[in-house]
Amino acid sequence: MKLRIIIEQDEDGVFVAEVPALPGCISQGSTRSETLKNIKEAIVSYLESLKKHDEPIPASIYEEILEIAM
């Protein structure tokens, strides 16, 4: 399964990651690599919870990157 994540660095230098396809699935870390590790764990826990409660797994959100000449 492939999921899009968004990682941003906040004003305190902490990296925050969220998964748009999984509402409320957010994690953080002091480095990008730590944040990636933490969000992977959060995703697994989120999906396990959905499965445990017989809830559907949301479809992945697909995106395209467009290059615009300016």
PDB file of N, CA and C in Angstrom:
ATOM      1  N   MET A   1       0.846  -1.177   0.000  1.00  0.00           N
ATOM      2  CA  MET A   1       0.000   0.000   0.000  1.00  0.00           C
ATOM      3  C   MET A   1       0.889   1.237   0.000  1.00  0.00           C
ATOM      4  N   LYS A   2       0.549   2.179  -0.839  1.00  0.00           N
ATOM      5  CA  LYS A   2       1.290   3.440  -0.898  1.00  0.00           C
ATOM      6  C   LYS A   2       0.386   4.554  -0.399  1.00  0.00           C
ATOM      7  N   LEU A   3       0.921   5.360   0.503  1.00  0.00           N
ATOM      8  CA  LEU A   3       0.179   6.484   1.047  1.00  0.00           C
ATOM      9  C   LEU A   3       1.019   7.741   0.931  1.00  0.00           C
ATOM     10  N   ARG A   4       0.365   8.828   0.614  1.00  0.00           N
ATOM     11  CA  ARG A   4       1.045  10.119   0.523  1.00  0.00           C
ATOM     12  C   ARG A   4       1.145  10.694   1.934  1.00  0.00           C
ATOM     13  N   ILE A   5       2.301  11.195   2.280  1.00  0.00           N
ATOM     14  CA  ILE A   5       2.470  11.878   3.557  1.00  0.00           C
ATOM     15  C   ILE A   5       2.979  13.284   3.284  1.00  0.00           C
ATOM     16  N   ILE A   6       2.686  14.163   4.217  1.00  0.00           N
ATOM     17  CA  ILE A   6       3.171  15.540   4.136  1.00  0.00           C
ATOM     18  C   ILE A   6       4.034  15.778   5.373  1.00  0.00           C
ATOM     19  N   ILE A   7       5.248  16.261   5.165  1.00  0.00           N
ATOM     20  CA  ILE A   7       6.144  16.568   6.280  1.00  0.00           C
ATOM     21  C   ILE A   7       6.467  18.058   6.230  1.00  0.00           C
ATOM     22  N   GLU A   8       6.244  18.704   7.354  1.00  0.00           N
ATOM     23  CA  GLU A   8       6.569  20.124   7.481  1.00  0.00           C
ATOM     24  C   GLU A   8       7.374  20.329   8.760  1.00  0.00           C
ATOM     25  N   GLN A   9       8.219  21.324   8.742  1.00  0.00           N
ATOM     26  CA  GLN A   9       8.985  21.663   9.936  1.00  0.00           C
ATOM     27  C   GLN A   9       8.304  22.861  10.598  1.00  0.00           C
ATOM     28  N   ASP A  10       7.996  22.735  11.894  1.00  0.00           N
ATOM     29  CA  ASP A  10       7.319  23.831  12.575  1.00  0.00           C
ATOM     30  C   ASP A  10       8.306  24.896  13.051  1.00  0.00           C
ATOM     31  N   GLU A  11       7.788  25.925  13.688  1.00  0.00           N
ATOM     32  CA  GLU A  11       8.622  27.060  14.102  1.00  0.00           C
ATOM     33  C   GLU A  11       9.659  26.692  15.169  1.00  0.00           C
ATOM     34  N   ASP A  12       9.459  25.551  15.852  1.00  0.00           N
ATOM     35  CA  ASP A  12      10.417  25.092  16.858  1.00  0.00           C
ATOM     36  C   ASP A  12      11.447  24.112  16.290  1.00  0.00           C
ATOM     37  N   GLY A  13      11.366  23.849  14.979  1.00  0.00           N
ATOM     38  CA  GLY A  13      12.311  22.942  14.335  1.00  0.00           C
ATOM     39  C   GLY A  13      11.880  21.484  14.360  1.00  0.00           C
ATOM     40  N   VAL A  14      10.711  21.205  14.909  1.00  0.00           N
ATOM     41  CA  VAL A  14      10.192  19.834  14.959  1.00  0.00           C
ATOM     42  C   VAL A  14       9.545  19.499  13.618  1.00  0.00           C
ATOM     43  N   PHE A  15       9.800  18.293  13.125  1.00  0.00           N
ATOM     44  CA  PHE A  15       9.182  17.838  11.887  1.00  0.00           C
ATOM     45  C   PHE A  15       7.856  17.164  12.223  1.00  0.00           C
ATOM     46  N   VAL A  16       6.812  17.545  11.494  1.00  0.00           N
ATOM     47  CA  VAL A  16       5.475  17.002  11.717  1.00  0.00           C
ATOM     48  C   VAL A  16       5.011  16.353  10.419  1.00  0.00           C
ATOM     49  N   ALA A  17       4.530  15.103  10.537  1.00  0.00           N
ATOM     50  CA  ALA A  17       4.055  14.370   9.362  1.00  0.00           C
ATOM     51  C   ALA A  17       2.586  14.032   9.529  1.00  0.00           C
ATOM     52  N   GLU A  18       1.843  14.118   8.427  1.00  0.00           N
ATOM     53  CA  GLU A  18       0.444  13.720   8.438  1.00  0.00           C
ATOM     54  C   GLU A  18       0.132  12.934   7.180  1.00  0.00           C
ATOM     55  N   VAL A  19      -0.921  12.128   7.264  1.00  0.00           N
ATOM     56  CA  VAL A  19      -1.341  11.280   6.156  1.00  0.00           C
ATOM     57  C   VAL A  19      -2.741  11.728   5.746  1.00  0.00           C
ATOM     58  N   PRO A  20      -2.885  12.474   4.647  1.00  0.00           N
ATOM     59  CA  PRO A  20      -4.192  12.991   4.255  1.00  0.00           C
ATOM     60  C   PRO A  20      -5.273  11.917   4.080  1.00  0.00           C
ATOM     61  N   ALA A  21      -4.905  10.729   3.634  1.00  0.00           N
ATOM     62  CA  ALA A  21      -5.889   9.672   3.416  1.00  0.00           C
ATOM     63  C   ALA A  21      -6.374   9.048   4.727  1.00  0.00           C
ATOM     64  N   LEU A  22      -5.660   9.300   5.824  1.00  0.00           N
ATOM     65  CA  LEU A  22      -6.011   8.733   7.130  1.00  0.00           C
ATOM     66  C   LEU A  22      -6.216   9.882   8.113  1.00  0.00           C
ATOM     67  N   PRO A  23      -7.420  10.436   8.171  1.00  0.00           N
ATOM     68  CA  PRO A  23      -7.672  11.598   9.021  1.00  0.00           C
ATOM     69  C   PRO A  23      -7.221  11.379  10.465  1.00  0.00           C
ATOM     70  N   GLY A  24      -6.453  12.328  10.974  1.00  0.00           N
ATOM     71  CA  GLY A  24      -5.968  12.249  12.339  1.00  0.00           C
ATOM     72  C   GLY A  24      -4.687  11.463  12.515  1.00  0.00           C
ATOM     73  N   CYS A  25      -4.162  10.889  11.443  1.00  0.00           N
ATOM     74  CA  CYS A  25      -2.915  10.126  11.527  1.00  0.00           C
ATOM     75  C   CYS A  25      -1.757  11.110  11.368  1.00  0.00           C
ATOM     76  N   ILE A  26      -1.204  11.500  12.517  1.00  0.00           N
ATOM     77  CA  ILE A  26      -0.152  12.516  12.572  1.00  0.00           C
ATOM     78  C   ILE A  26       0.944  12.036  13.510  1.00  0.00           C
ATOM     79  N   SER A  27       2.187  12.367  13.202  1.00  0.00           N
ATOM     80  CA  SER A  27       3.298  12.046  14.085  1.00  0.00           C
ATOM     81  C   SER A  27       4.362  13.119  13.914  1.00  0.00           C
ATOM     82  N   GLN A  28       5.396  13.037  14.729  1.00  0.00           N
ATOM     83  CA  GLN A  28       6.453  14.044  14.657  1.00  0.00           C
ATOM     84  C   GLN A  28       7.788  13.444  15.061  1.00  0.00           C
ATOM     85  N   GLY A  29       8.842  14.226  14.885  1.00  0.00           N
ATOM     86  CA  GLY A  29      10.175  13.797  15.279  1.00  0.00           C
ATOM     87  C   GLY A  29      11.129  14.972  15.203  1.00  0.00           C
ATOM     88  N   SER A  30      12.316  14.785  15.754  1.00  0.00           N
ATOM     89  CA  SER A  30      13.294  15.871  15.747  1.00  0.00           C
ATOM     90  C   SER A  30      14.096  15.918  14.445  1.00  0.00           C
ATOM     91  N   THR A  31      14.052  14.832  13.659  1.00  0.00           N
ATOM     92  CA  THR A  31      14.696  14.797  12.333  1.00  0.00           C
ATOM     93  C   THR A  31      13.699  14.222  11.331  1.00  0.00           C
ATOM     94  N   ARG A  32      13.992  14.418  10.057  1.00  0.00           N
ATOM     95  CA  ARG A  32      13.105  13.852   9.025  1.00  0.00           C
ATOM     96  C   ARG A  32      13.076  12.331   9.108  1.00  0.00           C
ATOM     97  N   SER A  33      14.234  11.713   9.324  1.00  0.00           N
ATOM     98  CA  SER A  33      14.276  10.249   9.373  1.00  0.00           C
ATOM     99  C   SER A  33      13.511   9.717  10.587  1.00  0.00           C
ATOM    100  N   GLU A  34      13.639  10.380  11.720  1.00  0.00           N
ATOM    101  CA  GLU A  34      12.873   9.971  12.898  1.00  0.00           C
ATOM    102  C   GLU A  34      11.373  10.145  12.644  1.00  0.00           C
ATOM    103  N   THR A  35      11.015  11.227  11.977  1.00  0.00           N
ATOM    104  CA  THR A  35       9.615  11.492  11.665  1.00  0.00           C
ATOM    105  C   THR A  35       9.055  10.422  10.726  1.00  0.00           C
ATOM    106  N   LEU A  36       9.841  10.023   9.734  1.00  0.00           N
ATOM    107  CA  LEU A  36       9.397   8.958   8.823  1.00  0.00           C
ATOM    108  C   LEU A  36       9.182   7.645   9.577  1.00  0.00           C
ATOM    109  N   LYS A  37      10.099   7.318  10.469  1.00  0.00           N
ATOM    110  CA  LYS A  37       9.955   6.106  11.269  1.00  0.00           C
ATOM    111  C   LYS A  37       8.689   6.179  12.112  1.00  0.00           C
ATOM    112  N   ASN A  38       8.470   7.320  12.754  1.00  0.00           N
ATOM    113  CA  ASN A  38       7.306   7.486  13.619  1.00  0.00           C
ATOM    114  C   ASN A  38       5.989   7.455  12.855  1.00  0.00           C
ATOM    115  N   ILE A  39       5.945   8.076  11.669  1.00  0.00           N
ATOM    116  CA  ILE A  39       4.691   8.093  10.912  1.00  0.00           C
ATOM    117  C   ILE A  39       4.385   6.701  10.369  1.00  0.00           C
ATOM    118  N   LYS A  40       5.421   5.928  10.016  1.00  0.00           N
ATOM    119  CA  LYS A  40       5.187   4.548   9.582  1.00  0.00           C
ATOM    120  C   LYS A  40       4.541   3.748  10.698  1.00  0.00           C
ATOM    121  N   GLU A  41       5.035   3.913  11.927  1.00  0.00           N
ATOM    122  CA  GLU A  41       4.448   3.222  13.075  1.00  0.00           C
ATOM    123  C   GLU A  41       3.005   3.675  13.300  1.00  0.00           C
ATOM    124  N   ALA A  42       2.760   4.977  13.152  1.00  0.00           N
ATOM    125  CA  ALA A  42       1.410   5.515  13.330  1.00  0.00           C
ATOM    126  C   ALA A  42       0.459   4.958  12.270  1.00  0.00           C
ATOM    127  N   ILE A  43       0.936   4.839  11.029  1.00  0.00           N
ATOM    128  CA  ILE A  43       0.110   4.296   9.945  1.00  0.00           C
ATOM    129  C   ILE A  43      -0.261   2.850  10.237  1.00  0.00           C
ATOM    130  N   VAL A  44       0.718   2.047  10.628  1.00  0.00           N
ATOM    131  CA  VAL A  44       0.458   0.634  10.935  1.00  0.00           C
ATOM    132  C   VAL A  44      -0.575   0.528  12.050  1.00  0.00           C
ATOM    133  N   SER A  45      -0.424   1.301  13.108  1.00  0.00           N
ATOM    134  CA  SER A  45      -1.378   1.274  14.219  1.00  0.00           C
ATOM    135  C   SER A  45      -2.766   1.704  13.769  1.00  0.00           C
ATOM    136  N   TYR A  46      -2.831   2.738  12.944  1.00  0.00           N
ATOM    137  CA  TYR A  46      -4.100   3.248  12.422  1.00  0.00           C
ATOM    138  C   TYR A  46      -4.810   2.166  11.612  1.00  0.00           C
ATOM    139  N   LEU A  47      -4.067   1.525  10.704  1.00  0.00           N
ATOM    140  CA  LEU A  47      -4.659   0.494   9.854  1.00  0.00           C
ATOM    141  C   LEU A  47      -5.078  -0.734  10.663  1.00  0.00           C
ATOM    142  N   GLU A  48      -4.286  -1.091  11.667  1.00  0.00           N
ATOM    143  CA  GLU A  48      -4.653  -2.213  12.541  1.00  0.00           C
ATOM    144  C   GLU A  48      -5.949  -1.905  13.286  1.00  0.00           C
ATOM    145  N   SER A  49      -6.109  -0.678  13.718  1.00  0.00           N
ATOM    146  CA  SER A  49      -7.325  -0.282  14.422  1.00  0.00           C
ATOM    147  C   SER A  49      -8.540  -0.354  13.498  1.00  0.00           C
ATOM    148  N   LEU A  50      -8.379   0.116  12.257  1.00  0.00           N
ATOM    149  CA  LEU A  50      -9.475   0.022  11.297  1.00  0.00           C
ATOM    150  C   LEU A  50      -9.888  -1.433  11.094  1.00  0.00           C
ATOM    151  N   LYS A  51      -8.883  -2.285  10.921  1.00  0.00           N
ATOM    152  CA  LYS A  51      -9.128  -3.706  10.700  1.00  0.00           C
ATOM    153  C   LYS A  51      -9.842  -4.326  11.899  1.00  0.00           C
ATOM    154  N   LYS A  52      -9.377  -4.013  13.103  1.00  0.00           N
ATOM    155  CA  LYS A  52      -9.948  -4.550  14.344  1.00  0.00           C
ATOM    156  C   LYS A  52     -11.419  -4.171  14.489  1.00  0.00           C
ATOM    157  N   HIS A  53     -11.776  -2.978  14.032  1.00  0.00           N
ATOM    158  CA  HIS A  53     -13.151  -2.491  14.153  1.00  0.00           C
ATOM    159  C   HIS A  53     -13.973  -2.708  12.880  1.00  0.00           C
ATOM    160  N   ASP A  54     -13.455  -3.543  11.986  1.00  0.00           N
ATOM    161  CA  ASP A  54     -14.137  -3.856  10.718  1.00  0.00           C
ATOM    162  C   ASP A  54     -14.534  -2.604   9.925  1.00  0.00           C
ATOM    163  N   GLU A  55     -13.653  -1.626   9.942  1.00  0.00           N
ATOM    164  CA  GLU A  55     -13.882  -0.410   9.172  1.00  0.00           C
ATOM    165  C   GLU A  55     -13.046  -0.467   7.893  1.00  0.00           C
ATOM    166  N   PRO A  56     -13.544   0.134   6.817  1.00  0.00           N
ATOM    167  CA  PRO A  56     -12.802   0.081   5.546  1.00  0.00           C
ATOM    168  C   PRO A  56     -11.531   0.919   5.590  1.00  0.00           C
ATOM    169  N   ILE A  57     -10.548   0.471   4.864  1.00  0.00           N
ATOM    170  CA  ILE A  57      -9.305   1.226   4.715  1.00  0.00           C
ATOM    171  C   ILE A  57      -9.520   2.226   3.587  1.00  0.00           C
ATOM    172  N   PRO A  58      -9.334   3.523   3.868  1.00  0.00           N
ATOM    173  CA  PRO A  58      -9.529   4.535   2.825  1.00  0.00           C
ATOM    174  C   PRO A  58      -8.584   4.314   1.643  1.00  0.00           C
ATOM    175  N   ALA A  59      -9.059   4.677   0.476  1.00  0.00           N
ATOM    176  CA  ALA A  59      -8.238   4.578  -0.736  1.00  0.00           C
ATOM    177  C   ALA A  59      -7.114   5.608  -0.675  1.00  0.00           C
ATOM    178  N   SER A  60      -6.003   5.277  -1.295  1.00  0.00           N
ATOM    179  CA  SER A  60      -4.882   6.208  -1.373  1.00  0.00           C
ATOM    180  C   SER A  60      -5.292   7.445  -2.160  1.00  0.00           C
ATOM    181  N   ILE A  61      -4.649   8.551  -1.833  1.00  0.00           N
ATOM    182  CA  ILE A  61      -4.848   9.788  -2.585  1.00  0.00           C
ATOM    183  C   ILE A  61      -3.703   9.881  -3.582  1.00  0.00           C
ATOM    184  N   TYR A  62      -4.039  10.038  -4.832  1.00  0.00           N
ATOM    185  CA  TYR A  62      -3.000  10.124  -5.854  1.00  0.00           C
ATOM    186  C   TYR A  62      -2.747  11.581  -6.189  1.00  0.00           C
ATOM    187  N   GLU A  63      -1.527  11.880  -6.532  1.00  0.00           N
ATOM    188  CA  GLU A  63      -1.200  13.253  -6.885  1.00  0.00           C
ATOM    189  C   GLU A  63      -0.252  13.262  -8.072  1.00  0.00           C
ATOM    190  N   GLU A  64      -0.262  14.362  -8.729  1.00  0.00           N
ATOM    191  CA  GLU A  64       0.649  14.616  -9.836  1.00  0.00           C
ATOM    192  C   GLU A  64       1.439  15.864  -9.503  1.00  0.00           C
ATOM    193  N   ILE A  65       2.651  15.933  -9.978  1.00  0.00           N
ATOM    194  CA  ILE A  65       3.447  17.145  -9.819  1.00  0.00           C
ATOM    195  C   ILE A  65       3.600  17.756 -11.202  1.00  0.00           C
ATOM    196  N   LEU A  66       3.168  18.994 -11.298  1.00  0.00           N
ATOM    197  CA  LEU A  66       3.240  19.717 -12.565  1.00  0.00           C
ATOM    198  C   LEU A  66       4.346  20.746 -12.498  1.00  0.00           C
ATOM    199  N   GLU A  67       5.084  20.851 -13.582  1.00  0.00           N
ATOM    200  CA  GLU A  67       6.111  21.872 -13.660  1.00  0.00           C
ATOM    201  C   GLU A  67       5.578  23.007 -14.521  1.00  0.00           C
ATOM    202  N   ILE A  68       5.602  24.205 -13.963  1.00  0.00           N
ATOM    203  CA  ILE A  68       5.092  25.366 -14.668  1.00  0.00           C
ATOM    204  C   ILE A  68       6.254  26.316 -14.942  1.00  0.00           C
ATOM    205  N   ALA A  69       6.407  26.697 -16.184  1.00  0.00           N
ATOM    206  CA  ALA A  69       7.465  27.645 -16.558  1.00  0.00           C
ATOM    207  C   ALA A  69       7.005  29.060 -16.223  1.00  0.00           C
ATOM    208  N   MET A  70       7.894  29.799 -15.587  1.00  0.00           N
ATOM    209  CA  MET A  70       7.565  31.193 -15.246  1.00  0.00           C
ATOM    210  C   MET A  70       8.668  32.098 -15.674  1.00  0.00           C
TER     211      MET A  70
END
